[in-house]
PDB file of N, CA and C in Angstrom:
ATOM      1  N   MET A   1       0.831  -1.213   0.034  1.00  0.00           N
ATOM      2  CA  MET A   1      -0.018  -0.001   0.005  1.00  0.00           C
ATOM      3  C   MET A   1       0.862   1.241  -0.022  1.00  0.00           C
ATOM      4  N   ARG A   2       1.866   1.235   0.905  1.00  0.00           N
ATOM      5  CA  ARG A   2       2.761   2.395   0.841  1.00  0.00           C
ATOM      6  C   ARG A   2       3.455   2.626  -0.457  1.00  0.00           C
ATOM      7  N   LEU A   3       3.851   1.585  -1.038  1.00  0.00           N
ATOM      8  CA  LEU A   3       4.578   1.706  -2.332  1.00  0.00           C
ATOM      9  C   LEU A   3       3.658   2.250  -3.423  1.00  0.00           C
ATOM     10  N   LYS A   4       2.408   1.789  -3.393  1.00  0.00           N
ATOM     11  CA  LYS A   4       1.414   2.278  -4.305  1.00  0.00           C
ATOM     12  C   LYS A   4       1.219   3.835  -4.105  1.00  0.00           C
ATOM     13  N   LYS A   5       1.161   4.258  -2.812  1.00  0.00           N
ATOM     14  CA  LYS A   5       0.888   5.699  -2.556  1.00  0.00           C
ATOM     15  C   LYS A   5       2.115   6.514  -2.932  1.00  0.00           C
ATOM     16  N   ILE A   6       3.362   5.981  -2.717  1.00  0.00           N
ATOM     17  CA  ILE A   6       4.542   6.676  -3.119  1.00  0.00           C
ATOM     18  C   ILE A   6       4.566   6.775  -4.683  1.00  0.00           C
ATOM     19  N   LYS A   7       4.206   5.779  -5.330  1.00  0.00           N
ATOM     20  CA  LYS A   7       4.196   5.755  -6.811  1.00  0.00           C
ATOM     21  C   LYS A   7       3.201   6.792  -7.286  1.00  0.00           C
ATOM     22  N   GLU A   8       2.060   6.906  -6.685  1.00  0.00           N
ATOM     23  CA  GLU A   8       1.050   7.922  -7.075  1.00  0.00           C
ATOM     24  C   GLU A   8       1.523   9.322  -6.884  1.00  0.00           C
ATOM     25  N   LEU A   9       2.240   9.518  -5.711  1.00  0.00           N
ATOM     26  CA  LEU A   9       2.810  10.822  -5.386  1.00  0.00           C
ATOM     27  C   LEU A   9       3.899  11.223  -6.391  1.00  0.00           C
ATOM     28  N   VAL A  10       4.704  10.262  -6.709  1.00  0.00           N
ATOM     29  CA  VAL A  10       5.774  10.589  -7.665  1.00  0.00           C
ATOM     30  C   VAL A  10       5.157  10.855  -9.024  1.00  0.00           C
ATOM     31  N   SER A  11       4.161  10.116  -9.465  1.00  0.00           N
ATOM     32  CA  SER A  11       3.465  10.333 -10.647  1.00  0.00           C
ATOM     33  C   SER A  11       2.766  11.713 -10.723  1.00  0.00           C
ATOM     34  N   GLU A  12       2.129  12.137  -9.608  1.00  0.00           N
ATOM     35  CA  GLU A  12       1.520  13.446  -9.506  1.00  0.00           C
ATOM     36  C   GLU A  12       2.581  14.515  -9.643  1.00  0.00           C
ATOM     37  N   ASN A  13       3.723  14.320  -8.990  1.00  0.00           N
ATOM     38  CA  ASN A  13       4.838  15.301  -9.004  1.00  0.00           C
ATOM     39  C   ASN A  13       5.386  15.484 -10.387  1.00  0.00           C
ATOM     40  N   ILE A  14       5.521  14.322 -11.063  1.00  0.00           N
ATOM     41  CA  ILE A  14       6.081  14.406 -12.426  1.00  0.00           C
ATOM     42  C   ILE A  14       5.053  15.203 -13.319  1.00  0.00           C
ATOM     43  N   ASP A  15       3.719  14.918 -13.185  1.00  0.00           N
ATOM     44  CA  ASP A  15       2.727  15.668 -13.925  1.00  0.00           C
ATOM     45  C   ASP A  15       2.858  17.126 -13.605  1.00  0.00           C
ATOM     46  N   LYS A  16       3.009  17.466 -12.369  1.00  0.00           N
ATOM     47  CA  LYS A  16       3.145  18.869 -11.986  1.00  0.00           C
ATOM     48  C   LYS A  16       4.364  19.491 -12.549  1.00  0.00           C
ATOM     49  N   VAL A  17       5.526  18.730 -12.492  1.00  0.00           N
ATOM     50  CA  VAL A  17       6.741  19.323 -13.055  1.00  0.00           C
ATOM     51  C   VAL A  17       6.630  19.472 -14.548  1.00  0.00           C
ATOM     52  N   GLU A  18       5.970  18.565 -15.281  1.00  0.00           N
ATOM     53  CA  GLU A  18       5.760  18.715 -16.698  1.00  0.00           C
ATOM     54  C   GLU A  18       4.867  19.972 -16.941  1.00  0.00           C
ATOM     55  N   LEU A  19       3.854  20.091 -16.152  1.00  0.00           N
ATOM     56  CA  LEU A  19       2.912  21.245 -16.331  1.00  0.00           C
ATOM     57  C   LEU A  19       3.689  22.507 -16.089  1.00  0.00           C
ATOM     58  N   SER A  20       4.491  22.525 -15.030  1.00  0.00           N
ATOM     59  CA  SER A  20       5.334  23.728 -14.728  1.00  0.00           C
ATOM     60  C   SER A  20       6.311  24.029 -15.888  1.00  0.00           C
ATOM     61  N   PHE A  21       6.910  22.973 -16.371  1.00  0.00           N
ATOM     62  CA  PHE A  21       7.884  23.136 -17.461  1.00  0.00           C
ATOM     63  C   PHE A  21       7.215  23.735 -18.697  1.00  0.00           C
ATOM     64  N   ASN A  22       6.057  23.196 -19.034  1.00  0.00           N
ATOM     65  CA  ASN A  22       5.274  23.668 -20.227  1.00  0.00           C
ATOM     66  C   ASN A  22       4.840  25.104 -20.009  1.00  0.00           C
ATOM     67  N   SER A  23       4.461  25.437 -18.835  1.00  0.00           N
ATOM     68  CA  SER A  23       4.015  26.806 -18.493  1.00  0.00           C
ATOM     69  C   SER A  23       5.229  27.671 -18.610  1.00  0.00           C
ATOM     70  N   SER A  24       6.342  27.234 -18.156  1.00  0.00           N
ATOM     71  CA  SER A  24       7.623  28.013 -18.220  1.00  0.00           C
ATOM     72  C   SER A  24       8.013  28.307 -19.652  1.00  0.00           C
ATOM     73  N   GLN A  25       7.934  27.251 -20.522  1.00  0.00           N
ATOM     74  CA  GLN A  25       8.283  27.447 -21.883  1.00  0.00           C
ATOM     75  C   GLN A  25       7.205  28.433 -22.574  1.00  0.00           C
ATOM     76  N   ASP A  26       6.032  28.330 -22.253  1.00  0.00           N
ATOM     77  CA  ASP A  26       4.981  29.269 -22.792  1.00  0.00           C
ATOM     78  C   ASP A  26       5.368  30.675 -22.351  1.00  0.00           C
ATOM     79  N   SER A  27       5.689  30.855 -21.089  1.00  0.00           N
ATOM     80  CA  SER A  27       6.068  32.196 -20.606  1.00  0.00           C
ATOM     81  C   SER A  27       7.306  32.725 -21.336  1.00  0.00           C
ATOM     82  N   HIS A  28       8.288  31.787 -21.531  1.00  0.00           N
ATOM     83  CA  HIS A  28       9.491  32.197 -22.312  1.00  0.00           C
ATOM     84  C   HIS A  28       9.172  32.666 -23.711  1.00  0.00           C
ATOM     85  N   ILE A  29       8.264  31.970 -24.397  1.00  0.00           N
ATOM     86  CA  ILE A  29       7.928  32.333 -25.732  1.00  0.00           C
ATOM     87  C   ILE A  29       7.167  33.707 -25.739  1.00  0.00           C
ATOM     88  N   ARG A  30       6.309  33.874 -24.726  1.00  0.00           N
ATOM     89  CA  ARG A  30       5.603  35.157 -24.645  1.00  0.00           C
ATOM     90  C   ARG A  30       6.520  36.302 -24.350  1.00  0.00           C
ATOM     91  N   LEU A  31       7.442  36.067 -23.463  1.00  0.00           N
ATOM     92  CA  LEU A  31       8.417  37.141 -23.137  1.00  0.00           C
ATOM     93  C   LEU A  31       9.328  37.485 -24.350  1.00  0.00           C
ATOM     94  N   GLU A  32       9.692  36.459 -25.155  1.00  0.00           N
ATOM     95  CA  GLU A  32      10.486  36.758 -26.334  1.00  0.00           C
ATOM     96  C   GLU A  32       9.630  37.561 -27.317  1.00  0.00           C
ATOM     97  N   SER A  33       8.361  37.273 -27.426  1.00  0.00           N
ATOM     98  CA  SER A  33       7.461  38.059 -28.269  1.00  0.00           C
ATOM     99  C   SER A  33       7.374  39.491 -27.826  1.00  0.00           C
ATOM    100  N   ILE A  34       7.200  39.677 -26.483  1.00  0.00           N
ATOM    101  CA  ILE A  34       7.224  41.042 -25.836  1.00  0.00           C
ATOM    102  C   ILE A  34       8.490  41.776 -26.198  1.00  0.00           C
ATOM    103  N   LEU A  35       9.635  41.062 -26.054  1.00  0.00           N
ATOM    104  CA  LEU A  35      10.932  41.662 -26.293  1.00  0.00           C
ATOM    105  C   LEU A  35      11.017  42.106 -27.754  1.00  0.00           C
ATOM    106  N   ALA A  36      10.533  41.268 -28.713  1.00  0.00           N
ATOM    107  CA  ALA A  36      10.537  41.629 -30.117  1.00  0.00           C
ATOM    108  C   ALA A  36       9.691  42.829 -30.357  1.00  0.00           C
ATOM    109  N   ASN A  37       8.534  42.899 -29.714  1.00  0.00           N
ATOM    110  CA  ASN A  37       7.587  44.079 -29.902  1.00  0.00           C
ATOM    111  C   ASN A  37       8.282  45.364 -29.302  1.00  0.00           C
ATOM    112  N   ILE A  38       8.956  45.191 -28.223  1.00  0.00           N
ATOM    113  CA  ILE A  38       9.625  46.295 -27.659  1.00  0.00           C
ATOM    114  C   ILE A  38      10.745  46.815 -28.559  1.00  0.00           C
ATOM    115  N   SER A  39      11.484  45.889 -29.100  1.00  0.00           N
ATOM    116  CA  SER A  39      12.521  46.229 -30.096  1.00  0.00           C
ATOM    117  C   SER A  39      11.993  46.937 -31.289  1.00  0.00           C
ATOM    118  N   GLU A  40      10.844  46.448 -31.765  1.00  0.00           N
ATOM    119  CA  GLU A  40      10.154  47.079 -32.947  1.00  0.00           C
ATOM    120  C   GLU A  40       9.692  48.444 -32.610  1.00  0.00           C
ATOM    121  N   ALA A  41       9.141  48.664 -31.460  1.00  0.00           N
ATOM    122  CA  ALA A  41       8.700  49.922 -30.992  1.00  0.00           C
ATOM    123  C   ALA A  41       9.846  50.898 -30.893  1.00  0.00           C
ATOM    124  N   ASN A  42      10.998  50.384 -30.393  1.00  0.00           N
ATOM    125  CA  ASN A  42      12.169  51.224 -30.280  1.00  0.00           C
ATOM    126  C   ASN A  42      12.690  51.644 -31.629  1.00  0.00           C
ATOM    127  N   THR A  43      12.635  50.728 -32.597  1.00  0.00           N
ATOM    128  CA  THR A  43      13.087  51.108 -33.951  1.00  0.00           C
ATOM    129  C   THR A  43      12.177  52.218 -34.541  1.00  0.00           C
ATOM    130  N   MET A  44      10.825  52.021 -34.308  1.00  0.00           N
ATOM    131  CA  MET A  44       9.888  53.018 -34.853  1.00  0.00           C
ATOM    132  C   MET A  44      10.136  54.334 -34.198  1.00  0.00           C
ATOM    133  N   MET A  45      10.428  54.340 -32.817  1.00  0.00           N
ATOM    134  CA  MET A  45      10.677  55.639 -32.223  1.00  0.00           C
ATOM    135  C   MET A  45      11.967  56.291 -32.738  1.00  0.00           C
ATOM    136  N   ASN A  46      13.018  55.509 -33.046  1.00  0.00           N
ATOM    137  CA  ASN A  46      14.201  56.057 -33.656  1.00  0.00           C
ATOM    138  C   ASN A  46      13.943  56.618 -35.057  1.00  0.00           C
ATOM    139  N   ASN A  47      13.104  55.875 -35.828  1.00  0.00           N
ATOM    140  CA  ASN A  47      12.761  56.382 -37.115  1.00  0.00           C
ATOM    141  C   ASN A  47      11.903  57.703 -37.017  1.00  0.00           C
ATOM    142  N   LEU A  48      11.029  57.738 -36.058  1.00  0.00           N
ATOM    143  CA  LEU A  48      10.220  58.916 -35.868  1.00  0.00           C
ATOM    144  C   LEU A  48      11.096  60.080 -35.463  1.00  0.00           C
ATOM    145  N   ASN A  49      12.094  59.815 -34.609  1.00  0.00           N
ATOM    146  CA  ASN A  49      13.058  60.824 -34.164  1.00  0.00           C
ATOM    147  C   ASN A  49      13.798  61.400 -35.348  1.00  0.00           C
ATOM    148  N   ASP A  50      14.329  60.455 -36.197  1.00  0.00           N
ATOM    149  CA  ASP A  50      15.053  60.881 -37.335  1.00  0.00           C
ATOM    150  C   ASP A  50      14.201  61.728 -38.294  1.00  0.00           C
ATOM    151  N   ALA A  51      12.973  61.251 -38.518  1.00  0.00           N
ATOM    152  CA  ALA A  51      12.068  62.030 -39.415  1.00  0.00           C
ATOM    153  C   ALA A  51      11.732  63.432 -38.836  1.00  0.00           C
ATOM    154  N   THR A  52      11.574  63.474 -37.498  1.00  0.00           N
ATOM    155  CA  THR A  52      11.321  64.766 -36.887  1.00  0.00           C
ATOM    156  C   THR A  52      12.520  65.783 -37.024  1.00  0.00           C
ATOM    157  N   MET A  53      13.742  65.178 -36.895  1.00  0.00           N
ATOM    158  CA  MET A  53      14.918  66.027 -37.015  1.00  0.00           C
ATOM    159  C   MET A  53      15.051  66.482 -38.455  1.00  0.00           C
ATOM    160  N   GLN A  54      14.804  65.654 -39.421  1.00  0.00           N
ATOM    161  CA  GLN A  54      14.799  66.036 -40.793  1.00  0.00           C
ATOM    162  C   GLN A  54      13.723  67.112 -41.187  1.00  0.00           C
ATOM    163  N   GLN A  55      12.567  66.961 -40.605  1.00  0.00           N
ATOM    164  CA  GLN A  55      11.503  67.814 -40.818  1.00  0.00           C
ATOM    165  C   GLN A  55      11.897  69.185 -40.179  1.00  0.00           C
ATOM    166  N   SER A  56      12.472  69.139 -38.986  1.00  0.00           N
ATOM    167  CA  SER A  56      12.895  70.470 -38.350  1.00  0.00           C
ATOM    168  C   SER A  56      13.897  71.146 -39.207  1.00  0.00           C
ATOM    169  N   ALA A  57      14.912  70.354 -39.759  1.00  0.00           N
ATOM    170  CA  ALA A  57      15.942  70.945 -40.678  1.00  0.00           C
ATOM    171  C   ALA A  57      15.240  71.588 -41.868  1.00  0.00           C
ATOM    172  N   SER A  58      14.270  70.881 -42.443  1.00  0.00           N
ATOM    173  CA  SER A  58      13.553  71.424 -43.610  1.00  0.00           C
ATOM    174  C   SER A  58      12.830  72.648 -43.273  1.00  0.00           C
ATOM    175  N   ILE A  59      12.150  72.729 -42.156  1.00  0.00           N
ATOM    176  CA  ILE A  59      11.435  73.857 -41.716  1.00  0.00           C
ATOM    177  C   ILE A  59      12.438  75.086 -41.551  1.00  0.00           C
ATOM    178  N   THR A  60      13.611  74.824 -41.020  1.00  0.00           N
ATOM    179  CA  THR A  60      14.599  75.888 -40.819  1.00  0.00           C
ATOM    180  C   THR A  60      15.018  76.407 -42.233  1.00  0.00           C
ATOM    181  N   GLU A  61      15.212  75.467 -43.206  1.00  0.00           N
ATOM    182  CA  GLU A  61      15.588  75.947 -44.561  1.00  0.00           C
ATOM    183  C   GLU A  61      14.428  76.728 -45.168  1.00  0.00           C
ATOM    184  N   VAL A  62      13.218  76.333 -45.018  1.00  0.00           N
ATOM    185  CA  VAL A  62      12.058  77.087 -45.554  1.00  0.00           C
ATOM    186  C   VAL A  62      11.973  78.463 -44.892  1.00  0.00           C
ATOM    187  N   ASN A  63      12.167  78.567 -43.608  1.00  0.00           N
ATOM    188  CA  ASN A  63      12.155  79.840 -42.915  1.00  0.00           C
ATOM    189  C   ASN A  63      13.243  80.718 -43.476  1.00  0.00           C
ATOM    190  N   SER A  64      14.403  80.206 -43.745  1.00  0.00           N
ATOM    191  CA  SER A  64      15.553  80.968 -44.272  1.00  0.00           C
ATOM    192  C   SER A  64      15.228  81.475 -45.652  1.00  0.00           C
ATOM    193  N   ALA A  65      14.618  80.544 -46.506  1.00  0.00           N
ATOM    194  CA  ALA A  65      14.232  80.966 -47.829  1.00  0.00           C
ATOM    195  C   ALA A  65      13.171  82.099 -47.861  1.00  0.00           C
ATOM    196  N   VAL A  66      12.184  81.951 -46.971  1.00  0.00           N
ATOM    197  CA  VAL A  66      11.195  82.997 -46.817  1.00  0.00           C
ATOM    198  C   VAL A  66      11.803  84.321 -46.408  1.00  0.00           C
ATOM    199  N   GLY A  67      12.787  84.234 -45.472  1.00  0.00           N
ATOM    200  CA  GLY A  67      13.467  85.425 -45.066  1.00  0.00           C
ATOM    201  C   GLY A  67      14.205  86.067 -46.241  1.00  0.00           C
ATOM    202  N   ASN A  68      14.867  85.268 -47.004  1.00  0.00           N
ATOM    203  CA  ASN A  68      15.540  85.754 -48.224  1.00  0.00           C
ATOM    204  C   ASN A  68      14.585  86.411 -49.170  1.00  0.00           C
ATOM    205  N   LEU A  69      13.452  85.750 -49.424  1.00  0.00           N
ATOM    206  CA  LEU A  69      12.419  86.278 -50.334  1.00  0.00           C
ATOM    207  C   LEU A  69      11.913  87.657 -49.788  1.00  0.00           C
ATOM    208  N   ASP A  70      11.649  87.719 -48.485  1.00  0.00           N
ATOM    209  CA  ASP A  70      11.196  88.940 -47.903  1.00  0.00           C
ATOM    210  C   ASP A  70      12.233  90.149 -48.125  1.00  0.00           C
ATOM    211  N   ARG A  71      13.560  89.737 -47.928  1.00  0.00           N
ATOM    212  CA  ARG A  71      14.565  90.847 -48.149  1.00  0.00           C
ATOM    213  C   ARG A  71      14.601  91.213 -49.631  1.00  0.00           C
ATOM    214  N   SER A  72      14.510  90.216 -50.504  1.00  0.00           N
ATOM    215  CA  SER A  72      14.529  90.532 -51.988  1.00  0.00           C
ATOM    216  C   SER A  72      13.328  91.435 -52.352  1.00  0.00           C
ATOM    217  N   THR A  73      12.156  91.089 -51.772  1.00  0.00           N
ATOM    218  CA  THR A  73      10.951  91.826 -52.112  1.00  0.00           C
ATOM    219  C   THR A  73      11.170  93.318 -51.568  1.00  0.00           C
ATOM    220  N   GLN A  74      11.688  93.456 -50.392  1.00  0.00           N
ATOM    221  CA  GLN A  74      11.941  94.816 -49.856  1.00  0.00           C
ATOM    222  C   GLN A  74      12.897  95.613 -50.730  1.00  0.00           C
ATOM    223  N   GLN A  75      13.976  94.881 -51.168  1.00  0.00           N
ATOM    224  CA  GLN A  75      14.944  95.520 -52.081  1.00  0.00           C
ATOM    225  C   GLN A  75      14.314  95.912 -53.376  1.00  0.00           C
ATOM    226  N   ASN A  76      13.518  95.043 -53.957  1.00  0.00           N
ATOM    227  CA  ASN A  76      12.853  95.327 -55.169  1.00  0.00           C
ATOM    228  C   ASN A  76      11.846  96.556 -55.041  1.00  0.00           C
ATOM    229  N   THR A  77      11.121  96.564 -53.891  1.00  0.00           N
ATOM    230  CA  THR A  77      10.238  97.712 -53.685  1.00  0.00           C
ATOM    231  C   THR A  77      11.018  99.065 -53.552  1.00  0.00           C
ATOM    232  N   SER A  78      12.115  98.904 -52.941  1.00  0.00           N
ATOM    233  CA  SER A  78      13.004 100.175 -52.757  1.00  0.00           C
ATOM    234  C   SER A  78      13.520 100.605 -54.064  1.00  0.00           C
ATOM    235  N   MET A  79      13.915  99.621 -54.966  1.00  0.00           N
ATOM    236  CA  MET A  79      14.493  99.923 -56.279  1.00  0.00           C
ATOM    237  C   MET A  79      13.353 100.544 -57.126  1.00  0.00           C
ATOM    238  N   LEU A  80      12.196  99.980 -57.014  1.00  0.00           N
ATOM    239  CA  LEU A  80      10.967 100.483 -57.835  1.00  0.00           C
ATOM    240  C   LEU A  80      10.636 101.931 -57.394  1.00  0.00           C
ATOM    241  N   GLU A  81      10.687 102.187 -56.115  1.00  0.00           N
ATOM    242  CA  GLU A  81      10.443 103.602 -55.643  1.00  0.00           C
ATOM    243  C   GLU A  81      11.467 104.530 -56.207  1.00  0.00           C
ATOM    244  N   GLN A  82      12.739 104.107 -56.172  1.00  0.00           N
ATOM    245  CA  GLN A  82      13.805 104.942 -56.603  1.00  0.00           C
ATOM    246  C   GLN A  82      13.650 105.159 -58.152  1.00  0.00           C
ATOM    247  N   MET A  83      13.329 104.071 -58.886  1.00  0.00           N
ATOM    248  CA  MET A  83      13.124 104.232 -60.299  1.00  0.00           C
ATOM    249  C   MET A  83      11.920 105.156 -60.642  1.00  0.00           C
ATOM    250  N   SER A  84      10.869 105.082 -59.801  1.00  0.00           N
ATOM    251  CA  SER A  84       9.735 105.940 -60.041  1.00  0.00           C
ATOM    252  C   SER A  84      10.177 107.429 -59.816  1.00  0.00           C
ATOM    253  N   GLN A  85      10.925 107.678 -58.793  1.00  0.00           N
ATOM    254  CA  GLN A  85      11.404 109.028 -58.546  1.00  0.00           C
ATOM    255  C   GLN A  85      12.294 109.514 -59.711  1.00  0.00           C
ATOM    256  N   ASP A  86      13.164 108.599 -60.185  1.00  0.00           N
ATOM    257  CA  ASP A  86      14.029 108.978 -61.295  1.00  0.00           C
ATOM    258  C   ASP A  86      13.250 109.254 -62.602  1.00  0.00           C
ATOM    259  N   MET A  87      12.214 108.375 -62.778  1.00  0.00           N
ATOM    260  CA  MET A  87      11.382 108.623 -63.990  1.00  0.00           C
ATOM    261  C   MET A  87      10.654 109.948 -63.883  1.00  0.00           C
ATOM    262  N   SER A  88      10.199 110.341 -62.696  1.00  0.00           N
ATOM    263  CA  SER A  88       9.521 111.672 -62.535  1.00  0.00           C
ATOM    264  C   SER A  88      10.503 112.780 -62.860  1.00  0.00           C
ATOM    265  N   LYS A  89      11.756 112.624 -62.362  1.00  0.00           N
ATOM    266  CA  LYS A  89      12.796 113.654 -62.669  1.00  0.00           C
ATOM    267  C   LYS A  89      13.037 113.797 -64.087  1.00  0.00           C
ATOM    268  N   LEU A  90      13.152 112.528 -64.779  1.00  0.00           N
ATOM    269  CA  LEU A  90      13.461 112.479 -66.210  1.00  0.00           C
ATOM    270  C   LEU A  90      12.370 113.102 -67.041  1.00  0.00           C
ATOM    271  N   GLU A  91      11.126 112.824 -66.558  1.00  0.00           N
ATOM    272  CA  GLU A  91       9.933 113.426 -67.284  1.00  0.00           C
ATOM    273  C   GLU A  91       9.986 114.919 -67.128  1.00  0.00           C
ATOM    274  N   GLY A  92      10.304 115.372 -65.950  1.00  0.00           N
ATOM    275  CA  GLY A  92      10.383 116.850 -65.756  1.00  0.00           C
ATOM    276  C   GLY A  92      11.500 117.473 -66.644  1.00  0.00           C
ATOM    277  N   SER A  93      12.670 116.755 -66.770  1.00  0.00           N
ATOM    278  CA  SER A  93      13.760 117.253 -67.524  1.00  0.00           C
ATOM    279  C   SER A  93      13.401 117.263 -69.030  1.00  0.00           C
ATOM    280  N   THR A  94      12.673 116.198 -69.395  1.00  0.00           N
ATOM    281  CA  THR A  94      12.224 116.042 -70.844  1.00  0.00           C
ATOM    282  C   THR A  94      11.282 117.162 -71.187  1.00  0.00           C
ATOM    283  N   ILE A  95      10.344 117.522 -70.300  1.00  0.00           N
ATOM    284  CA  ILE A  95       9.423 118.602 -70.569  1.00  0.00           C
ATOM    285  C   ILE A  95      10.164 119.929 -70.642  1.00  0.00           C
ATOM    286  N   ASP A  96      11.171 120.082 -69.740  1.00  0.00           N
ATOM    287  CA  ASP A  96      11.985 121.347 -69.670  1.00  0.00           C
ATOM    288  C   ASP A  96      12.745 121.470 -71.003  1.00  0.00           C
ATOM    289  N   VAL A  97      13.429 120.435 -71.417  1.00  0.00           N
ATOM    290  CA  VAL A  97      14.162 120.480 -72.676  1.00  0.00           C
ATOM    291  C   VAL A  97      13.248 120.670 -73.875  1.00  0.00           C
ATOM    292  N   SER A  98      12.077 120.126 -73.875  1.00  0.00           N
ATOM    293  CA  SER A  98      11.132 120.294 -74.956  1.00  0.00           C
ATOM    294  C   SER A  98      10.637 121.748 -75.037  1.00  0.00           C
ATOM    295  N   ASP A  99      10.414 122.327 -73.860  1.00  0.00           N
ATOM    296  CA  ASP A  99       9.988 123.734 -73.858  1.00  0.00           C
ATOM    297  C   ASP A  99      11.122 124.615 -74.339  1.00  0.00           C
ATOM    298  N   ARG A 100      12.343 124.393 -74.002  1.00  0.00           N
ATOM    299  CA  ARG A 100      13.438 125.195 -74.410  1.00  0.00           C
ATOM    300  C   ARG A 100      13.686 125.026 -75.988  1.00  0.00           C
ATOM    301  N   LEU A 101      13.466 123.862 -76.460  1.00  0.00           N
ATOM    302  CA  LEU A 101      13.617 123.657 -77.871  1.00  0.00           C
ATOM    303  C   LEU A 101      12.594 124.326 -78.706  1.00  0.00           C
ATOM    304  N   LYS A 102      11.429 124.628 -78.142  1.00  0.00           N
ATOM    305  CA  LYS A 102      10.396 125.281 -78.873  1.00  0.00           C
ATOM    306  C   LYS A 102      10.836 126.674 -79.327  1.00  0.00           C
ATOM    307  N   PHE A 103      11.773 127.238 -78.625  1.00  0.00           N
ATOM    308  CA  PHE A 103      12.294 128.573 -78.962  1.00  0.00           C
ATOM    309  C   PHE A 103      12.955 128.584 -80.251  1.00  0.00           C
ATOM    310  N   PHE A 104      13.660 127.458 -80.533  1.00  0.00           N
ATOM    311  CA  PHE A 104      14.350 127.373 -81.851  1.00  0.00           C
ATOM    312  C   PHE A 104      13.477 126.866 -82.967  1.00  0.00           C
ATOM    313  N   LYS A 105      13.641 127.398 -84.144  1.00  0.00           N
ATOM    314  CA  LYS A 105      12.870 126.973 -85.246  1.00  0.00           C
ATOM    315  C   LYS A 105      13.795 126.582 -86.325  1.00  0.00           C
ATOM    316  N   LEU A 106      13.536 125.497 -86.963  1.00  0.00           N
ATOM    317  CA  LEU A 106      14.380 125.040 -88.038  1.00  0.00           C
ATOM    318  C   LEU A 106      13.882 125.599 -89.394  1.00  0.00           C
ATOM    319  N   ARG A 107      14.829 126.064 -90.180  1.00  0.00           N
ATOM    320  CA  ARG A 107      14.454 126.565 -91.453  1.00  0.00           C
ATOM    321  C   ARG A 107      14.296 125.432 -92.431  1.00  0.00           C
ATOM    322  N   LYS A 108      13.391 125.624 -93.329  1.00  0.00           N
ATOM    323  CA  LYS A 108      13.225 124.636 -94.414  1.00  0.00           C
ATOM    324  C   LYS A 108      13.839 125.234 -95.647  1.00  0.00           C
ATOM    325  N   ASP A 109      14.781 124.613 -96.258  1.00  0.00           N
ATOM    326  CA  ASP A 109      15.408 125.119 -97.444  1.00  0.00           C
ATOM    327  C   ASP A 109      14.750 124.679 -98.674  1.00  0.00           C
TER     328      ASP A 109
END
């Protein structure tokens, strides 16, 4: 009777050890899957960081280009104002020369 009881206990313990081993293997597989997902998330975060840095650099370039366009526009506006003033002076000089030339008459031979 005792031998039978010991055999049953050993058999139960073997079953429990096998169940624990299988559970441990399942946990190991799940932990490896979690680790792979964490690694993938880390890669995505690094890619996102790189893209953000590139976007920031591009925005800086666009801001610089807009600043250059603004300066060029201001310079063009200043040049147009100066040209307008010069044209007004030239028009006044042309009228003055035209008025002075009216004094002279050309003879027809």
